[in-house]
């Protein structure tokens, strides 16, 4: 039995495997700047977050139709269920698609169809979170969010992603005010490459319910005390942090320290097609290199479900599955 987990930090656009990228490019008559799939794979070496984003934004242009988004979503969920994922709160970047002339209706409908198919086939429950680009004007994010709300597109929350350094959360306070006023959940990337101060801003100005990444909180003991006291969820992505050079190596990752501090931390796969694996690979990276035992892994899994936006009854059902795994280990 795989460790049952909730995947709370996962970008649909970052789940496109090289073979699917090439397949969709051929289907949609899109010319990519690669001579072959081997040439594409050779480019998966990153020096920082921006070098990854440049490749990601090049590749996601292969998503053209509602059916493409459904196919990509189902492909991710098939990999996720093999990794033990029981519930997913999936991110997508609407700006990446609207600016290419796609309609919000087609994009959201395709993803929702894929999520529904995944629940029917594998029982994976789900939420959908629209993430906004922090490198683009906050006014663009607000306008697009207003459209999502006014046209009643079925999203459950909003997030903030892309280039972190130089784009503090404070820029997006009005966006988050609008989201909360309209009953949407709010999360934000903070404290991956950016400083611990960005985590403070996300908490105090955006009033987020979860911090995505947050690993640099360990540099600020006052912040750690607050995060522990309030049990603010931190969705950590070990393989991503290593591949993007946010930490020097998996052995240097602060995850064990964060657990010891009593932080509400859980493990996720971020952009698994680019960073070396899905949830099971990220959990495996925490076992041997970081020396986590079965009790600590079970705690990470409990934290993932407790940090989700699930209703209480479903949450308790999944927590019982985690306990069953823990008893067997």
Protein backbone atom coordinates (compact mmCIF):
# COMPACT_ATOMS: atom_id res chain seq x y z
CA UNK A 1 0.00 0.00 0.00
CA UNK A 2 1.38 3.40 -1.02
CA UNK A 3 1.38 6.13 1.58
CA UNK A 4 -1.94 8.00 1.00
CA UNK A 5 -1.34 11.73 0.45
CA UNK A 6 -2.97 14.92 -0.73
CA UNK A 7 -1.14 16.77 -3.50
CA UNK A 8 -1.54 20.48 -2.79
CA UNK A 9 1.33 21.99 -4.78
CA UNK A 10 1.14 20.80 -8.37
CA UNK A 11 1.05 22.81 -11.62
CA UNK A 12 -0.81 21.22 -14.52
CA UNK A 13 1.52 22.87 -17.03
CA UNK A 14 4.48 21.29 -15.23
CA UNK A 15 3.13 17.77 -15.66
CA UNK A 16 3.57 17.69 -19.46
CA UNK A 17 6.01 14.86 -20.13
CA UNK A 18 8.32 15.20 -23.17
CA UNK A 19 6.44 12.56 -25.17
CA UNK A 20 3.11 14.35 -24.60
CA UNK A 21 4.68 17.69 -25.56
CA UNK A 22 5.87 16.24 -28.87
CA UNK A 23 2.57 14.39 -29.43
CA UNK A 24 0.43 17.49 -28.88
CA UNK A 25 2.78 19.61 -30.99
CA UNK A 26 2.34 17.21 -33.90
CA UNK A 27 -1.43 17.01 -33.39
CA UNK A 28 -1.81 20.79 -33.31
CA UNK A 29 0.78 21.54 -36.05
CA UNK A 30 2.96 23.53 -33.66
CA UNK A 31 6.64 23.96 -34.44
CA UNK A 32 8.83 23.69 -31.36
CA UNK A 33 12.52 24.71 -31.22
CA UNK A 34 13.74 21.13 -30.73
CA UNK A 35 15.19 18.76 -33.29
CA UNK A 36 13.95 15.69 -31.42
CA UNK A 37 12.57 14.48 -28.12
CA UNK A 38 16.17 13.82 -27.04
CA UNK A 39 17.01 17.46 -27.78
CA UNK A 40 14.05 18.52 -25.62
CA UNK A 41 15.10 16.27 -22.73
CA UNK A 42 18.64 17.63 -22.92
CA UNK A 43 17.34 21.06 -21.95
CA UNK A 44 16.03 19.92 -18.56
CA UNK A 45 19.01 21.37 -16.71
CA UNK A 46 18.21 24.50 -14.73
CA UNK A 47 20.35 27.13 -13.04
CA UNK A 48 17.47 28.88 -11.26
CA UNK A 49 13.70 29.34 -11.29
CA UNK A 50 13.72 31.59 -14.35
CA UNK A 51 15.65 29.12 -16.51
CA UNK A 52 12.95 26.53 -15.78
CA UNK A 53 10.10 28.97 -16.45
CA UNK A 54 11.57 29.86 -19.85
CA UNK A 55 11.35 26.19 -20.91
CA UNK A 56 7.95 25.66 -19.29
CA UNK A 57 6.40 28.62 -21.11
CA UNK A 58 7.83 27.43 -24.42
CA UNK A 59 6.37 23.95 -24.01
CA UNK A 60 2.89 24.80 -22.77
CA UNK A 61 1.96 26.31 -26.16
CA UNK A 62 1.15 22.77 -27.29
CA UNK A 63 -2.06 22.95 -25.22
CA UNK A 64 -4.59 24.30 -27.71
CA UNK A 65 -8.00 22.68 -27.18
CA UNK A 66 -10.26 21.73 -24.32
CA UNK A 67 -9.47 18.09 -25.15
CA UNK A 68 -5.74 18.80 -24.76
CA UNK A 69 -6.29 20.13 -21.25
CA UNK A 70 -8.43 17.11 -20.39
CA UNK A 71 -5.78 14.73 -21.75
CA UNK A 72 -3.01 16.46 -19.80
CA UNK A 73 -5.06 16.40 -16.59
CA UNK A 74 -5.89 12.70 -16.89
CA UNK A 75 -2.27 11.85 -17.68
CA UNK A 76 -1.16 13.63 -14.50
CA UNK A 77 -3.82 11.92 -12.40
CA UNK A 78 -2.82 8.50 -13.72
CA UNK A 79 0.74 9.13 -12.56
CA UNK A 80 -0.50 10.65 -9.31
CA UNK A 81 -2.67 7.69 -8.34
CA UNK A 82 0.32 5.38 -8.81
CA UNK A 83 2.16 7.63 -6.37
CA UNK A 84 -0.47 7.35 -3.63
CA UNK A 85 -2.31 10.61 -4.27
CA UNK A 86 -5.90 10.45 -3.02
CA UNK A 87 -6.79 14.14 -3.31
CA UNK A 88 -5.37 16.89 -5.52
CA UNK A 89 -5.70 20.67 -5.48
CA UNK A 90 -4.50 21.40 -8.99
CA UNK A 91 -2.91 24.69 -10.06
CA UNK A 92 -3.21 26.10 -13.56
CA UNK A 93 -2.00 29.40 -15.06
CA UNK A 94 -4.91 31.04 -16.91
CA UNK A 95 -2.75 33.95 -18.13
CA UNK A 96 -0.49 31.51 -20.00
CA UNK A 97 -3.45 30.39 -22.09
CA UNK A 98 -5.65 33.47 -22.42
CA UNK A 99 -2.74 35.49 -23.78
CA UNK A 100 -2.44 32.87 -26.56
CA UNK A 101 -6.03 33.47 -27.60
CA UNK A 102 -7.63 30.50 -25.83
CA UNK A 103 -10.94 30.97 -24.07
CA UNK A 104 -11.22 30.61 -20.31
CA UNK A 105 -14.30 28.46 -20.83
CA UNK A 106 -12.42 25.89 -22.92
CA UNK A 107 -9.41 25.80 -20.61
CA UNK A 108 -11.38 25.39 -17.38
CA UNK A 109 -13.88 22.98 -18.92
CA UNK A 110 -11.08 20.75 -20.21
CA UNK A 111 -9.31 20.62 -16.84
CA UNK A 112 -12.57 20.03 -15.00
CA UNK A 113 -13.47 17.20 -17.39
CA UNK A 114 -10.07 15.62 -16.70
CA UNK A 115 -10.53 15.94 -12.94
CA UNK A 116 -13.99 14.37 -13.15
CA UNK A 117 -12.58 11.51 -15.22
CA UNK A 118 -9.82 10.99 -12.67
CA UNK A 119 -12.32 10.82 -9.83
CA UNK A 120 -14.46 8.32 -11.73
CA UNK A 121 -11.51 6.09 -12.67
CA UNK A 122 -9.33 6.28 -9.55
CA UNK A 123 -11.40 7.98 -6.86
CA UNK A 124 -9.15 11.03 -6.65
CA UNK A 125 -11.05 13.98 -5.18
CA UNK A 126 -10.06 17.44 -6.32
CA UNK A 127 -10.09 21.24 -6.18
CA UNK A 128 -8.96 23.67 -8.89
CA UNK A 129 -6.83 26.74 -8.18
CA UNK A 130 -6.10 29.50 -10.69
CA UNK A 131 -2.58 30.87 -10.19
CA UNK A 132 -1.56 34.32 -11.35
CA UNK A 133 1.82 35.37 -12.68
CA UNK A 134 3.66 37.63 -10.28
CA UNK A 135 5.90 38.90 -13.10
CA UNK A 136 2.86 40.34 -14.91
CA UNK A 137 1.00 43.47 -13.70
CA UNK A 138 -1.29 42.89 -10.74
CA UNK A 139 -3.98 44.80 -12.64
CA UNK A 140 -3.96 42.02 -15.25
CA UNK A 141 -4.47 39.41 -12.54
CA UNK A 142 -7.34 41.37 -11.01
CA UNK A 143 -9.06 41.81 -14.37
CA UNK A 144 -8.77 38.11 -15.17
CA UNK A 145 -9.97 37.11 -11.70
CA UNK A 146 -12.99 39.36 -12.08
CA UNK A 147 -13.77 37.62 -15.36
CA UNK A 148 -13.41 34.18 -13.77
CA UNK A 149 -15.84 35.19 -11.01
CA UNK A 150 -18.33 37.12 -13.14
CA UNK A 151 -18.53 34.37 -15.76
CA UNK A 152 -18.85 31.79 -12.97
CA UNK A 153 -15.98 29.56 -14.07
CA UNK A 154 -15.73 26.71 -11.53
CA UNK A 155 -12.53 27.44 -9.61
CA UNK A 156 -12.07 26.87 -5.88
CA UNK A 157 -9.27 29.30 -5.14
CA UNK A 158 -6.38 31.42 -6.38
CA UNK A 159 -2.61 31.26 -6.08
CA UNK A 160 0.47 33.28 -7.01
CA UNK A 161 3.41 31.78 -8.93
CA UNK A 162 6.21 32.32 -11.50
CA UNK A 163 9.27 34.55 -10.92
CA UNK A 164 9.51 35.37 -7.22
CA UNK A 165 12.49 37.70 -6.68
CA UNK A 166 11.55 41.32 -7.28
CA UNK A 167 7.81 40.63 -7.26
CA UNK A 168 6.67 40.76 -3.62
CA UNK A 169 3.25 39.54 -2.54
CA UNK A 170 2.31 43.10 -1.52
CA UNK A 171 1.73 43.93 -5.21
CA UNK A 172 -1.28 41.60 -5.26
CA UNK A 173 -3.18 42.69 -2.13
CA UNK A 174 -6.22 43.93 -4.11
CA UNK A 175 -6.36 40.67 -6.08
CA UNK A 176 -6.50 38.65 -2.87
CA UNK A 177 -9.02 40.99 -1.26
CA UNK A 178 -11.31 40.41 -4.25
CA UNK A 179 -10.83 36.64 -4.10
CA UNK A 180 -11.65 36.44 -0.40
CA UNK A 181 -14.68 38.71 -0.84
CA UNK A 182 -16.00 36.20 -3.37
CA UNK A 183 -15.50 33.12 -1.22
CA UNK A 184 -12.38 31.73 -2.89
CA UNK A 185 -9.56 30.00 -1.06
CA UNK A 186 -6.22 31.83 -1.18
CA UNK A 187 -2.68 30.43 -1.32
CA UNK A 188 0.62 31.89 -2.60
CA UNK A 189 4.17 30.88 -3.45
CA UNK A 190 6.55 32.60 -1.05
CA UNK A 191 9.97 32.00 0.45
CA UNK A 192 11.42 29.68 -2.21
CA UNK A 193 13.95 31.97 -3.88
CA UNK A 194 12.46 35.08 -2.31
CA UNK A 195 13.22 36.12 1.29
CA UNK A 196 11.38 35.20 4.45
CA UNK A 197 9.83 38.70 4.33
CA UNK A 198 7.73 37.52 1.38
CA UNK A 199 6.14 34.94 3.68
CA UNK A 200 5.26 37.69 6.16
CA UNK A 201 3.68 39.68 3.32
CA UNK A 202 1.69 36.69 2.08
CA UNK A 203 0.32 36.15 5.58
CA UNK A 204 -0.37 39.76 6.58
CA UNK A 205 -1.27 41.43 3.28
CA UNK A 206 -2.72 38.58 1.22
CA UNK A 207 -4.08 36.71 4.27
CA UNK A 208 -3.32 33.36 2.66
CA UNK A 209 -4.46 30.04 4.06
CA UNK A 210 -1.34 28.19 2.80
CA UNK A 211 2.22 29.07 1.86
CA UNK A 212 3.60 27.22 -1.17
CA UNK A 213 7.29 26.37 -0.61
CA UNK A 214 8.14 28.55 2.41
CA UNK A 215 11.51 26.89 3.00
CA UNK A 216 13.25 30.16 3.78
CA UNK A 217 11.13 30.62 6.89
CA UNK A 218 13.91 28.82 8.78
CA UNK A 219 16.01 31.98 8.40
CA UNK A 220 13.58 33.93 10.62
CA UNK A 221 12.93 32.42 14.05
CA UNK A 222 10.15 34.90 14.83
CA UNK A 223 8.38 33.83 11.65
CA UNK A 224 8.87 30.16 12.54
CA UNK A 225 7.27 30.73 15.93
CA UNK A 226 4.25 32.34 14.27
CA UNK A 227 3.92 29.59 11.64
CA UNK A 228 4.08 26.94 14.36
CA UNK A 229 1.61 28.74 16.63
CA UNK A 230 -0.93 29.22 13.82
CA UNK A 231 -0.09 25.91 12.10
CA UNK A 232 0.04 27.62 8.72
CA UNK A 233 0.51 24.93 6.05
CA UNK A 234 3.77 24.92 4.08
CA UNK A 235 3.73 22.87 0.86
CA UNK A 236 7.34 21.85 0.29
CA UNK A 237 8.72 20.34 -2.94
CA UNK A 238 12.12 18.69 -2.27
CA UNK A 239 13.09 17.65 -5.81
CA UNK A 240 12.00 21.01 -7.20
CA UNK A 241 14.06 22.88 -4.60
CA UNK A 242 17.17 20.93 -5.58
CA UNK A 243 16.69 21.17 -9.35
CA UNK A 244 16.12 24.93 -9.15
CA UNK A 245 19.12 25.43 -6.85
CA UNK A 246 17.01 26.78 -3.98
CA UNK A 247 19.00 24.32 -1.86
CA UNK A 248 22.46 22.98 -2.68
CA UNK A 249 21.53 19.28 -2.50
CA UNK A 250 18.83 16.99 -1.19
CA UNK A 251 21.02 16.31 1.84
CA UNK A 252 20.96 20.04 2.64
CA UNK A 253 17.18 20.32 2.42
CA UNK A 254 15.58 21.84 5.56
CA UNK A 255 12.59 19.45 5.62
CA UNK A 256 13.80 17.43 8.68
CA UNK A 257 14.56 20.68 10.51
CA UNK A 258 11.11 22.03 9.64
CA UNK A 259 9.45 18.92 11.02
CA UNK A 260 11.50 19.14 14.22
CA UNK A 261 10.45 22.76 14.64
CA UNK A 262 6.81 21.69 14.62
CA UNK A 263 5.95 23.38 11.33
CA UNK A 264 2.87 22.16 9.46
CA UNK A 265 4.87 20.96 6.46
CA UNK A 266 3.91 18.49 3.74
CA UNK A 267 5.60 17.16 0.59
CA UNK A 268 4.49 17.73 -3.02
CA UNK A 269 5.85 17.43 -6.56
CA UNK A 270 5.41 20.97 -8.02
CA UNK A 271 6.30 20.39 -11.71
CA UNK A 272 7.10 16.67 -11.73
CA UNK A 273 7.77 16.27 -15.47
CA UNK A 274 10.65 18.72 -15.11
CA UNK A 275 12.04 18.00 -11.65
CA UNK A 276 12.56 14.27 -11.51
CA UNK A 277 9.34 12.64 -10.42
CA UNK A 278 5.88 12.57 -8.93
CA UNK A 279 4.81 12.30 -5.32
CA UNK A 280 6.42 8.90 -4.73
CA UNK A 281 9.78 10.19 -5.99
CA UNK A 282 9.60 13.21 -3.69
CA UNK A 283 8.72 10.98 -0.73
CA UNK A 284 11.57 8.63 -1.65
CA UNK A 285 13.91 11.63 -1.68
CA UNK A 286 12.86 12.32 1.91
CA UNK A 287 13.41 8.77 3.16
CA UNK A 288 17.01 7.77 2.59
CA UNK A 289 18.84 11.06 1.93
CA UNK A 290 16.98 12.96 4.67
CA UNK A 291 16.64 10.02 7.05
CA UNK A 292 12.90 10.33 7.69
CA UNK A 293 11.25 7.35 9.35
CA UNK A 294 7.77 5.89 8.87
CA UNK A 295 6.29 7.95 11.70
CA UNK A 296 7.60 11.16 10.11
CA UNK A 297 6.29 10.17 6.69
CA UNK A 298 2.87 9.48 8.19
CA UNK A 299 2.97 12.92 9.82
CA UNK A 300 3.75 14.54 6.46
CA UNK A 301 0.76 12.69 4.96
CA UNK A 302 -1.53 13.76 7.81
CA UNK A 303 -0.37 17.32 7.38
CA UNK A 304 -1.20 17.18 3.66
CA UNK A 305 -4.82 16.19 4.29
CA UNK A 306 -5.23 18.57 7.24
CA UNK A 307 -3.87 21.39 5.05
CA UNK A 308 -6.33 20.67 2.23
CA UNK A 309 -9.63 22.38 1.50
CA UNK A 310 -11.55 19.12 1.85
CA UNK A 311 -14.73 18.86 3.87
CA UNK A 312 -14.19 17.36 7.30
CA UNK A 313 -15.85 13.99 6.62
CA UNK A 314 -13.70 13.28 3.54
CA UNK A 315 -10.62 14.50 5.35
CA UNK A 316 -11.24 12.05 8.19
CA UNK A 317 -11.71 9.22 5.70
CA UNK A 318 -8.28 9.87 4.21
CA UNK A 319 -6.66 10.33 7.61
CA UNK A 320 -7.93 6.86 8.53
CA UNK A 321 -6.13 5.51 5.45
CA UNK A 322 -2.91 7.19 6.63
CA UNK A 323 -3.32 5.55 10.03
CA UNK A 324 -3.80 2.19 8.38
CA UNK A 325 -0.53 2.73 6.48
CA UNK A 326 1.23 3.82 9.68
CA UNK A 327 0.02 0.74 11.57
CA UNK A 328 1.42 -1.46 8.79
CA UNK A 329 4.82 0.24 8.95
